[in-house]
Amino acid sequence: MQAIERARPVGAPWFRPAAGIPIGSMIEALRAGDRWAEGSRFVKRDAGRWVWMGELGAEHGPRALVIKGRPRRALDALPDRHAIKQSIGARRLRAAGIPTSDPVALLDVSAAGGARERWLVLSALPGESLAHVCKRGGDTPGLARRAGALVRTLSDAGLFNRDHKASNVIVSPGGELGVIDTVAIRAGSGDEKRRRMLLAMCKELSGIGAMPRLAQLWRCLAAASRTPKADWRTIAAMLRDAGDTTPRVSPV
């Protein structure tokens, strides 16, 4: 991560940063440019947008952070809808008892070389993505049931994640599941929405060559639904109709 020249917090309606690290201390650490711990890295870059993950050493102690950056535009004078949705989605998940990545700050940044960017800073949720776990063959019967139970918890709480990909589900070191990238969290439930969340996980895992065995899929479905056979028939048909599910940007 390059050092930045200037950064200022941006206010946005309904954007509620989580308490924790003082913003001024964090900005000073970001400006220093050498406060990131070993292993901090870009985890995604796509068309000028990027995601950075790492541990930042600030005045009040190290903090595991995720930063989502993009170029600033003229429309940034308007409320930042992406940040607002991220904040609202995180609060909805917390209310449902689901671990998530909380907003820390929204920053307008002038980087070295004159680049002007908007940074959304989030607390990092410890662990690795379900996509990574499945890719390395670490999926177990217990994990399959917990993945299904997560979908059931969301649905029972009246919530629907339009982007419920395996790469957005985090497996903590203790095996608990959480959800990141909360922009797509919406109010809503029902069979169709539950199946869409299950399908999103299956499509991504299929696209990266990490589809679990049928027995694991069945355990997941049984934990997610009161009608697993009907769900599987629908999801299997939708997978067949989806064609090539290879993601444009690999999550692993």
Protein backbone atom coordinates (compact mmCIF):
# COMPACT_ATOMS: atom_id res chain seq x y z
CA MET A 1 0.00 0.00 0.00
CA GLN A 2 1.47 3.35 -1.02
CA ALA A 3 1.68 6.24 1.42
CA ILE A 4 -1.00 8.91 1.11
CA GLU A 5 -0.52 12.68 1.15
CA ARG A 6 -3.89 13.74 2.55
CA ALA A 7 -7.05 12.07 3.86
CA ARG A 8 -10.22 13.49 5.32
CA PRO A 9 -13.24 11.71 6.80
CA VAL A 10 -16.45 11.95 4.79
CA GLY A 11 -19.87 12.14 6.40
CA ALA A 12 -22.77 10.29 4.80
CA PRO A 13 -26.40 9.89 5.93
CA TRP A 14 -26.98 6.56 7.69
CA PHE A 15 -23.26 5.76 7.66
CA ARG A 16 -22.40 4.84 11.23
CA PRO A 17 -18.76 3.91 11.84
CA ALA A 18 -18.05 1.40 14.59
CA ALA A 19 -16.28 2.67 17.68
CA GLY A 20 -12.69 1.63 18.21
CA ILE A 21 -9.64 3.14 16.61
CA PRO A 22 -9.52 6.97 16.61
CA ILE A 23 -9.80 8.22 13.02
CA GLY A 24 -6.95 10.71 13.39
CA SER A 25 -4.58 8.01 14.63
CA MET A 26 -5.56 5.73 11.77
CA ILE A 27 -5.02 8.45 9.15
CA GLU A 28 -1.57 9.24 10.54
CA ALA A 29 -0.64 5.55 10.34
CA LEU A 30 -1.91 5.37 6.76
CA ARG A 31 0.11 8.46 5.82
CA ALA A 32 3.26 6.89 7.24
CA GLY A 33 2.99 4.13 4.65
CA ASP A 34 5.20 1.68 6.57
CA ARG A 35 2.85 0.68 9.38
CA TRP A 36 1.38 -2.38 7.67
CA ALA A 37 2.40 -5.74 9.10
CA GLU A 38 4.05 -8.41 6.98
CA GLY A 39 1.45 -10.28 4.95
CA SER A 40 -0.77 -7.26 4.36
CA ARG A 41 -1.73 -7.27 0.70
CA PHE A 42 -4.11 -6.48 -2.13
CA VAL A 43 -6.73 -9.22 -2.26
CA LYS A 44 -8.55 -7.91 -5.32
CA ARG A 45 -8.02 -5.44 -8.17
CA ASP A 46 -10.56 -4.84 -10.89
CA ALA A 47 -11.02 -1.87 -13.24
CA GLY A 48 -9.53 0.74 -10.92
CA ARG A 49 -11.19 -0.68 -7.82
CA TRP A 50 -9.24 -2.64 -5.25
CA VAL A 51 -9.45 -4.32 -1.86
CA TRP A 52 -6.56 -4.29 0.61
CA MET A 53 -6.36 -6.41 3.75
CA GLY A 54 -3.85 -6.28 6.58
CA GLU A 55 -2.91 -5.22 10.07
CA LEU A 56 -2.20 -1.53 10.55
CA GLY A 57 0.02 -0.44 13.43
CA ALA A 58 -1.56 2.75 14.80
CA GLU A 59 -0.97 4.81 17.93
CA HIS A 60 -3.50 2.87 20.02
CA GLY A 61 -2.35 -0.57 18.91
CA PRO A 62 -2.57 -2.74 15.78
CA ARG A 63 -5.89 -3.10 14.01
CA ALA A 64 -6.88 -5.66 11.36
CA LEU A 65 -8.51 -3.69 8.55
CA VAL A 66 -9.98 -4.10 5.09
CA ILE A 67 -9.90 -1.08 2.76
CA LYS A 68 -12.09 -0.90 -0.34
CA GLY A 69 -10.77 1.78 -2.70
CA ARG A 70 -12.00 3.33 -5.92
CA PRO A 71 -11.28 6.47 -7.96
CA ARG A 72 -13.12 9.58 -6.81
CA ARG A 73 -15.71 11.04 -9.18
CA ALA A 74 -17.72 14.24 -9.49
CA LEU A 75 -20.74 12.37 -8.08
CA ASP A 76 -18.87 11.88 -4.80
CA ALA A 77 -20.35 15.20 -3.71
CA LEU A 78 -23.58 13.21 -3.25
CA PRO A 79 -24.12 10.78 -0.34
CA ASP A 80 -22.04 7.62 -0.79
CA ARG A 81 -24.70 4.97 -1.39
CA HIS A 82 -22.20 2.11 -1.30
CA ALA A 83 -20.94 3.09 2.17
CA ILE A 84 -24.47 3.69 3.44
CA LYS A 85 -25.61 0.25 2.28
CA GLN A 86 -22.50 -1.34 3.81
CA SER A 87 -23.27 0.31 7.15
CA ILE A 88 -26.97 -0.59 7.13
CA GLY A 89 -26.25 -4.18 6.07
CA ALA A 90 -23.69 -4.61 8.85
CA ARG A 91 -26.15 -3.36 11.47
CA ARG A 92 -28.83 -5.73 10.19
CA LEU A 93 -26.47 -8.69 10.45
CA ARG A 94 -25.33 -7.73 13.94
CA ALA A 95 -28.97 -7.47 15.05
CA ALA A 96 -29.50 -11.02 13.77
CA GLY A 97 -26.45 -12.26 15.72
CA ILE A 98 -24.33 -12.85 12.62
CA PRO A 99 -20.64 -11.79 12.79
CA THR A 100 -19.67 -9.25 10.16
CA SER A 101 -17.12 -6.64 9.15
CA ASP A 102 -18.01 -3.25 10.66
CA PRO A 103 -17.40 0.13 8.97
CA VAL A 104 -14.60 2.16 10.57
CA ALA A 105 -14.33 5.23 8.33
CA LEU A 106 -15.10 6.69 4.92
CA LEU A 107 -12.17 8.72 3.58
CA ASP A 108 -11.39 10.98 0.64
CA VAL A 109 -7.73 10.36 -0.10
CA SER A 110 -5.04 12.07 -2.16
CA ALA A 111 -2.42 9.45 -2.84
CA ALA A 112 1.17 9.85 -3.98
CA GLY A 113 1.32 10.70 -7.67
CA GLY A 114 -1.86 12.76 -7.59
CA ALA A 115 -4.42 9.94 -7.53
CA ARG A 116 -7.69 10.92 -5.83
CA GLU A 117 -9.60 8.04 -4.29
CA ARG A 118 -12.50 7.19 -1.99
CA TRP A 119 -11.63 4.62 0.69
CA LEU A 120 -14.12 2.65 2.76
CA VAL A 121 -12.28 1.30 5.80
CA LEU A 122 -13.73 -1.74 7.58
CA SER A 123 -12.71 -3.90 10.49
CA ALA A 124 -11.47 -7.27 9.25
CA LEU A 125 -13.39 -10.39 10.21
CA PRO A 126 -10.77 -12.96 11.27
CA GLY A 127 -10.61 -16.22 9.38
CA GLU A 128 -10.66 -17.33 5.75
CA SER A 129 -13.40 -17.42 3.19
CA LEU A 130 -15.59 -20.47 2.67
CA ALA A 131 -14.37 -20.43 -0.94
CA HIS A 132 -10.76 -20.85 0.21
CA VAL A 133 -11.70 -23.60 2.66
CA CYS A 134 -13.57 -25.58 0.01
CA LYS A 135 -10.84 -25.02 -2.59
CA ARG A 136 -8.22 -26.61 -0.37
CA GLY A 137 -10.56 -29.48 0.54
CA GLY A 138 -11.20 -28.36 4.10
CA ASP A 139 -14.98 -28.66 3.89
CA THR A 140 -16.36 -31.02 6.55
CA PRO A 141 -19.83 -32.28 7.49
CA GLY A 142 -19.93 -29.79 10.36
CA LEU A 143 -18.96 -26.88 8.11
CA ALA A 144 -21.59 -27.88 5.53
CA ARG A 145 -24.28 -27.84 8.23
CA ARG A 146 -23.11 -24.46 9.53
CA ALA A 147 -23.17 -23.00 6.01
CA GLY A 148 -26.76 -24.16 5.63
CA ALA A 149 -27.67 -22.95 9.10
CA LEU A 150 -26.32 -19.50 8.20
CA VAL A 151 -28.75 -19.29 5.29
CA ARG A 152 -31.55 -20.42 7.59
CA THR A 153 -30.60 -17.80 10.20
CA LEU A 154 -30.65 -15.05 7.58
CA SER A 155 -34.01 -16.18 6.26
CA ASP A 156 -35.54 -16.57 9.73
CA ALA A 157 -34.35 -13.05 10.58
CA GLY A 158 -36.18 -11.69 7.53
CA LEU A 159 -32.93 -10.98 5.67
CA PHE A 160 -31.78 -11.80 2.16
CA ASN A 161 -28.20 -11.51 0.90
CA ARG A 162 -28.25 -10.86 -2.84
CA ASP A 163 -24.51 -11.62 -3.01
CA HIS A 164 -24.26 -14.69 -0.76
CA LYS A 165 -21.17 -16.09 -2.45
CA ALA A 166 -18.83 -18.48 -0.69
CA SER A 167 -16.10 -15.81 -0.90
CA ASN A 168 -18.31 -13.49 1.19
CA VAL A 169 -18.75 -16.08 3.95
CA ILE A 170 -15.89 -16.11 6.48
CA VAL A 171 -14.96 -19.16 8.55
CA SER A 172 -13.45 -17.98 11.85
CA PRO A 173 -10.52 -19.85 13.48
CA GLY A 174 -13.11 -21.34 15.86
CA GLY A 175 -15.38 -22.46 13.01
CA GLU A 176 -18.06 -19.76 13.37
CA LEU A 177 -19.41 -18.31 10.13
CA GLY A 178 -19.79 -14.62 9.37
CA VAL A 179 -20.69 -12.50 6.36
CA ILE A 180 -18.69 -9.69 4.74
CA ASP A 181 -19.47 -7.27 1.89
CA THR A 182 -22.81 -6.30 3.44
CA VAL A 183 -23.90 -3.95 0.65
CA ALA A 184 -26.31 -6.57 -0.69
CA ILE A 185 -28.13 -7.34 2.59
CA ARG A 186 -31.84 -6.65 2.12
CA ALA A 187 -35.04 -7.18 4.06
CA GLY A 188 -36.94 -10.19 2.73
CA SER A 189 -37.32 -13.93 3.12
CA GLY A 190 -39.14 -16.91 1.64
CA ASP A 191 -38.33 -20.04 -0.32
CA GLU A 192 -37.22 -18.24 -3.49
CA LYS A 193 -34.77 -15.97 -1.68
CA ARG A 194 -33.39 -18.83 0.41
CA ARG A 195 -32.75 -20.84 -2.75
CA ARG A 196 -31.04 -17.86 -4.40
CA MET A 197 -28.60 -17.62 -1.49
CA LEU A 198 -27.83 -21.35 -1.70
CA LEU A 199 -27.47 -21.09 -5.48
CA ALA A 200 -25.00 -18.20 -5.16
CA MET A 201 -22.71 -20.34 -3.02
CA CYS A 202 -23.00 -23.32 -5.37
CA LYS A 203 -22.36 -21.25 -8.51
CA GLU A 204 -19.17 -19.71 -7.20
CA LEU A 205 -17.83 -22.98 -5.81
CA SER A 206 -18.61 -24.67 -9.10
CA GLY A 207 -16.88 -21.86 -11.01
CA ILE A 208 -13.63 -22.20 -9.05
CA GLY A 209 -13.61 -26.01 -9.14
CA ALA A 210 -14.38 -26.40 -5.44
CA MET A 211 -17.87 -27.86 -5.47
CA PRO A 212 -18.34 -30.05 -2.36
CA ARG A 213 -19.37 -33.67 -2.65
CA LEU A 214 -23.08 -34.42 -2.89
CA ALA A 215 -23.19 -35.63 0.72
CA GLN A 216 -21.89 -32.24 1.91
CA LEU A 217 -24.35 -30.36 -0.28
CA TRP A 218 -27.17 -32.42 1.17
CA ARG A 219 -26.09 -31.62 4.73
CA CYS A 220 -26.03 -27.94 3.84
CA LEU A 221 -29.49 -28.08 2.28
CA ALA A 222 -30.94 -30.05 5.17
CA ALA A 223 -29.71 -27.39 7.62
CA ALA A 224 -30.97 -24.51 5.47
CA SER A 225 -34.43 -25.73 4.53
CA ARG A 226 -37.49 -27.62 5.65
CA THR A 227 -37.87 -28.80 2.03
CA PRO A 228 -34.33 -29.83 0.99
CA LYS A 229 -35.43 -32.16 -1.82
CA ALA A 230 -37.48 -29.47 -3.51
CA ASP A 231 -34.68 -26.96 -3.03
CA TRP A 232 -32.11 -29.30 -4.54
CA ARG A 233 -34.26 -29.95 -7.63
CA THR A 234 -34.64 -26.21 -8.19
CA ILE A 235 -30.98 -25.36 -7.51
CA ALA A 236 -29.65 -28.22 -9.67
CA ALA A 237 -31.82 -27.07 -12.58
CA MET A 238 -30.64 -23.47 -12.18
CA LEU A 239 -27.01 -24.61 -12.09
CA ARG A 240 -27.50 -26.54 -15.33
CA ASP A 241 -29.03 -23.47 -16.95
CA ALA A 242 -26.28 -21.15 -15.69
CA GLY A 243 -23.70 -22.36 -18.20
CA ASP A 244 -20.09 -21.38 -17.50
CA THR A 245 -19.92 -20.24 -13.84
CA THR A 246 -16.23 -19.27 -13.89
CA PRO A 247 -15.98 -15.91 -12.08
CA ARG A 248 -14.50 -12.95 -13.98
CA VAL A 249 -12.17 -12.26 -11.05
CA SER A 250 -11.14 -15.35 -9.08
CA PRO A 251 -11.82 -15.08 -5.34
CA VAL A 252 -9.06 -17.57 -4.41
